[in-house]
Each structure stands twice: as C-alpha cells, then as structure tokens.
N, C-alpha and C. Protein backbone atom coordinates (compact mmCIF):
# COMPACT_ATOMS: atom_id res chain seq x y z
N MET A 1 -9.77 165.34 71.29
CA MET A 1 -9.12 165.25 72.48
C MET A 1 -7.90 163.96 72.33
N ALA A 2 -8.37 162.97 71.68
CA ALA A 2 -7.75 161.87 71.44
C ALA A 2 -6.48 162.16 70.67
N HIS A 3 -6.43 163.14 69.62
CA HIS A 3 -5.46 163.46 68.71
C HIS A 3 -4.31 164.27 69.82
N ALA A 4 -4.92 165.58 70.53
CA ALA A 4 -3.93 165.99 71.42
C ALA A 4 -3.17 165.04 72.62
N ARG A 5 -3.72 164.07 72.93
CA ARG A 5 -3.51 163.18 73.83
C ARG A 5 -2.12 162.43 73.31
N SER A 6 -2.40 161.84 71.79
CA SER A 6 -1.42 161.12 71.33
C SER A 6 -0.30 162.11 70.97
N TRP A 7 -0.34 163.39 70.61
CA TRP A 7 0.69 164.25 70.45
C TRP A 7 1.56 164.45 71.90
N ARG A 8 0.89 164.42 72.82
CA ARG A 8 1.41 164.56 74.30
C ARG A 8 2.26 163.41 74.75
N ASP A 9 1.63 162.15 74.31
CA ASP A 9 2.45 160.80 74.53
C ASP A 9 3.65 160.73 73.83
N TYR A 10 3.30 161.38 72.51
CA TYR A 10 4.38 161.29 71.70
C TYR A 10 5.57 161.99 71.99
N ASP A 11 5.04 163.34 72.50
CA ASP A 11 6.18 164.17 73.26
C ASP A 11 6.97 163.70 74.31
N GLU A 12 6.17 163.14 75.06
CA GLU A 12 6.79 162.47 76.26
C GLU A 12 7.71 161.39 75.77
N GLN A 13 7.30 160.64 74.81
CA GLN A 13 8.21 159.30 74.59
C GLN A 13 9.49 160.05 73.80
N VAL A 14 9.51 160.77 73.00
CA VAL A 14 10.61 161.54 72.41
C VAL A 14 11.55 162.13 73.49
N GLU A 15 10.75 162.72 74.56
CA GLU A 15 11.54 163.39 75.63
C GLU A 15 12.36 162.34 76.31
N GLN A 16 11.57 161.31 76.65
CA GLN A 16 12.23 160.15 77.31
C GLN A 16 13.26 159.46 76.47
N ASN A 17 13.26 159.38 75.36
CA ASN A 17 14.28 158.68 74.31
C ASN A 17 15.54 159.50 74.32
N LEU A 18 15.20 160.98 74.44
CA LEU A 18 16.61 161.97 74.54
C LEU A 18 17.06 161.79 76.04
N SER A 19 16.41 161.66 77.06
CA SER A 19 16.82 161.67 78.13
C SER A 19 17.63 160.34 78.26
N ASP A 20 16.99 159.32 77.69
CA ASP A 20 17.94 157.96 77.93
C ASP A 20 19.14 158.13 77.17
N ARG A 21 19.17 158.66 75.80
CA ARG A 21 20.22 158.85 75.02
C ARG A 21 21.30 159.95 75.82
N ARG A 22 20.93 160.94 76.38
CA ARG A 22 21.99 161.62 77.04
C ARG A 22 22.37 160.89 78.18
N PHE A 23 21.73 160.11 79.09
CA PHE A 23 22.23 159.24 80.10
C PHE A 23 23.42 158.32 79.47
N ASP A 24 22.94 157.74 78.10
CA ASP A 24 23.99 156.90 77.66
C ASP A 24 25.13 157.62 77.37
N LEU A 25 25.05 158.78 76.69
CA LEU A 25 26.45 159.43 76.35
C LEU A 25 27.24 159.71 77.61
N ILE A 26 26.57 160.08 78.92
CA ILE A 26 26.95 160.57 80.03
C ILE A 26 27.92 159.24 80.44
N LEU A 27 27.36 158.14 80.40
CA LEU A 27 28.10 156.95 80.72
C LEU A 27 29.20 156.53 80.04
N GLU A 28 28.89 156.68 78.77
CA GLU A 28 30.23 156.44 77.78
C GLU A 28 31.23 157.38 78.21
N ARG A 29 30.95 158.49 78.28
CA ARG A 29 31.93 159.60 78.48
C ARG A 29 32.67 159.19 80.13
N LEU A 30 31.89 159.00 81.21
CA LEU A 30 32.63 158.74 82.35
C LEU A 30 33.38 157.14 82.09
N ASP A 31 32.93 156.36 81.35
CA ASP A 31 33.77 155.17 81.07
C ASP A 31 35.21 155.66 80.34
N ARG A 32 35.24 156.52 79.57
CA ARG A 32 36.22 156.87 79.11
C ARG A 32 37.25 157.81 79.92
N ILE A 33 36.50 158.43 80.71
CA ILE A 33 37.40 159.15 81.90
C ILE A 33 37.90 158.20 82.58
N ALA A 34 37.41 157.17 83.25
CA ALA A 34 38.00 156.33 84.17
C ALA A 34 38.97 155.54 83.38
N ASP A 35 38.85 155.20 82.32
CA ASP A 35 40.00 154.63 81.58
C ASP A 35 41.27 155.45 81.40
N GLU A 36 40.92 156.57 81.33
CA GLU A 36 42.26 157.74 81.29
C GLU A 36 42.71 157.84 82.67
N LEU A 37 41.74 157.91 83.50
CA LEU A 37 42.42 157.91 85.15
C LEU A 37 43.20 156.70 85.55
N ALA A 38 42.60 155.39 84.68
CA ALA A 38 43.53 154.39 85.44
C ALA A 38 44.81 154.43 84.63
N LYS A 39 45.04 154.93 83.46
CA LYS A 39 46.06 154.92 82.72
C LYS A 39 46.98 156.03 83.43
N THR A 40 46.66 156.92 83.77
CA THR A 40 47.27 158.00 84.59
C THR A 40 47.80 157.47 85.89
N ASN A 41 46.89 156.63 86.63
CA ASN A 41 47.46 156.16 87.89
C ASN A 41 48.40 155.10 87.64
N LYS A 42 48.47 154.50 86.46
CA LYS A 42 49.56 153.45 86.28
C LYS A 42 50.82 154.33 86.00
N ARG A 43 50.67 155.31 85.12
CA ARG A 43 51.88 156.00 84.62
C ARG A 43 52.60 156.68 86.02
N LEU A 44 51.69 157.15 86.92
CA LEU A 44 52.18 157.80 88.20
C LEU A 44 52.91 156.51 89.25
N ASP A 45 52.32 155.44 89.05
CA ASP A 45 53.02 154.51 89.58
C ASP A 45 54.60 154.14 89.24
N ASN A 46 54.49 154.06 87.69
CA ASN A 46 55.78 153.80 86.81
C ASN A 46 56.66 154.90 87.35
N ASP A 47 56.38 156.03 87.45
CA ASP A 47 57.06 157.18 87.76
C ASP A 47 57.75 157.16 88.96
N GLU A 48 56.79 156.85 90.01
CA GLU A 48 57.39 156.53 91.49
C GLU A 48 58.32 155.50 91.53
N ASN A 49 58.28 154.25 90.81
CA ASN A 49 59.22 153.39 90.62
C ASN A 49 60.49 153.52 90.00
N PHE A 50 60.28 154.52 88.89
CA PHE A 50 61.65 154.90 88.34
C PHE A 50 62.27 155.78 89.16
N LEU A 51 61.67 156.71 89.91
CA LEU A 51 62.38 157.46 90.98
C LEU A 51 63.07 156.72 92.02
N ARG A 52 62.66 155.86 92.45
CA ARG A 52 63.10 154.77 93.28
C ARG A 52 64.21 153.88 92.87
N LEU A 53 64.40 153.63 91.62
CA LEU A 53 65.21 153.14 90.94
C LEU A 53 66.48 154.04 90.46
N THR A 54 66.25 155.36 90.52
CA THR A 54 67.21 156.25 90.05
C THR A 54 68.09 156.34 91.38
N ARG A 55 67.15 156.60 92.49
CA ARG A 55 68.04 156.63 93.81
C ARG A 55 69.04 155.39 93.97
N GLU A 56 68.41 154.25 93.80
CA GLU A 56 69.13 152.97 94.11
C GLU A 56 70.37 152.98 93.04
N LEU A 57 70.24 153.38 92.13
CA LEU A 57 71.28 153.51 91.19
C LEU A 57 72.35 154.41 91.30
N ALA A 58 71.95 155.62 91.99
CA ALA A 58 72.91 156.76 92.56
C ALA A 58 73.69 155.92 93.72
N THR A 59 72.96 155.31 94.56
CA THR A 59 73.62 154.69 95.68
C THR A 59 74.57 153.74 95.33
N LEU A 60 74.17 152.73 94.33
CA LEU A 60 75.18 151.93 93.79
C LEU A 60 76.44 152.37 93.27
N ASN A 61 76.10 153.28 92.49
CA ASN A 61 77.21 154.14 91.62
C ASN A 61 78.42 154.71 92.81
N GLU A 62 77.75 155.17 93.71
CA GLU A 62 78.58 155.49 94.83
C GLU A 62 79.56 154.51 95.53
N SER A 63 78.62 153.26 95.68
CA SER A 63 79.47 152.13 96.25
C SER A 63 80.27 151.41 95.09
N LEU A 64 80.25 151.64 94.04
CA LEU A 64 81.03 151.08 93.07
C LEU A 64 82.43 152.19 92.83
N GLN A 65 82.19 153.32 93.03
CA GLN A 65 83.23 154.22 93.11
C GLN A 65 84.15 153.94 94.18
N ALA A 66 83.46 153.74 95.45
CA ALA A 66 84.29 153.63 96.70
C ALA A 66 85.14 152.14 96.54
N LEU A 67 84.42 151.15 96.07
CA LEU A 67 85.37 149.74 96.00
C LEU A 67 86.30 150.09 95.01
N ALA A 68 86.06 150.90 93.87
CA ALA A 68 87.01 151.22 92.75
C ALA A 68 88.36 151.82 93.21
N TYR A 69 88.13 152.75 94.24
CA TYR A 69 89.35 153.53 94.94
C TYR A 69 89.85 152.59 95.93
N ALA A 70 89.06 151.86 96.60
CA ALA A 70 89.51 150.80 97.63
C ALA A 70 90.65 149.82 96.82
N ALA A 71 90.06 149.33 95.70
CA ALA A 71 90.98 148.31 94.78
C ALA A 71 92.24 148.94 94.44
N LEU A 72 92.09 150.20 94.07
CA LEU A 72 93.46 150.87 93.74
C LEU A 72 94.32 151.21 95.00
N GLY A 73 93.83 151.02 96.15
CA GLY A 73 94.52 151.43 97.36
C GLY A 73 94.55 152.80 97.70
N GLN A 74 93.63 153.73 97.11
CA GLN A 74 93.38 154.88 97.31
C GLN A 74 92.32 155.30 98.08
N GLN A 75 92.10 156.54 98.64
CA GLN A 75 90.78 157.13 99.36
C GLN A 75 90.16 157.90 98.16
N ALA A 76 89.02 157.75 98.42
CA ALA A 76 88.14 158.49 97.53
C ALA A 76 88.21 159.87 97.79
N PRO A 77 88.24 160.93 96.83
CA PRO A 77 88.25 162.44 97.09
C PRO A 77 87.26 162.68 98.06
N ALA A 78 87.41 163.57 98.84
CA ALA A 78 86.43 164.27 99.92
C ALA A 78 85.69 165.19 99.15
N VAL A 79 84.34 164.66 98.77
CA VAL A 79 83.52 165.42 97.84
C VAL A 79 81.98 165.32 98.66
N ARG A 80 81.62 166.59 99.15
CA ARG A 80 80.25 166.63 99.81
C ARG A 80 79.15 166.19 98.66
N ARG A 81 78.36 165.56 98.96
CA ARG A 81 77.26 165.38 98.11
C ARG A 81 75.82 165.60 98.72
N ARG A 82 75.09 166.38 97.92
CA ARG A 82 73.70 166.57 98.25
C ARG A 82 72.86 165.47 98.21
N ARG A 83 72.15 165.09 99.52
CA ARG A 83 71.22 164.04 99.41
C ARG A 83 70.04 164.45 99.19
N SER A 84 69.44 163.65 98.12
CA SER A 84 67.87 164.24 97.86
C SER A 84 67.02 163.42 98.69
N ALA A 85 65.88 163.69 98.99
CA ALA A 85 64.82 162.98 99.84
C ALA A 85 64.22 161.94 99.01
C-alpha cells in the first residue's frame, strides 16, 4: 500500500509541476501580448498625431498660397476644395 501511495503522491506532484509550468507559460504569453498591445497603442497614437499634423500642414499650405497671391496683388483662383473631416 505504501508503494501505491508513493506513486500516487508522485503523480500528483508531477501533475502539480505541469500545472505550474503551464501557468507560467500562460503568464509569459500574456506579458508578450501586453507588450505588443502597448506598442500597437503607441503606434495608433502616433498615427492620430500624424493625421492632425497633415491637416494642419494642408491648412498652412492654403494660407501660404493666399499670402503669395496677396503679395503679388492678385486673387487666388477660385477652386473648390473638398474638406475632409
């Protein structure tokens, strides 16, 4: 009986070690996923800032063109421009 009990204890210990190892692997994977998510969020923030910057540059370009025509004493050509949101 003692021999059967020791094998059962051994099996439980092995099972527990495997469970602990699986848990550690899952935690490692979750850490990697969290890192990737943080990188993606940072990239998205940069993309949003880039879009704001491009809109500002477009507005600045229009203003500079208007100033250039004003400096020449002419009126800018009447061109309808689509406004993006």
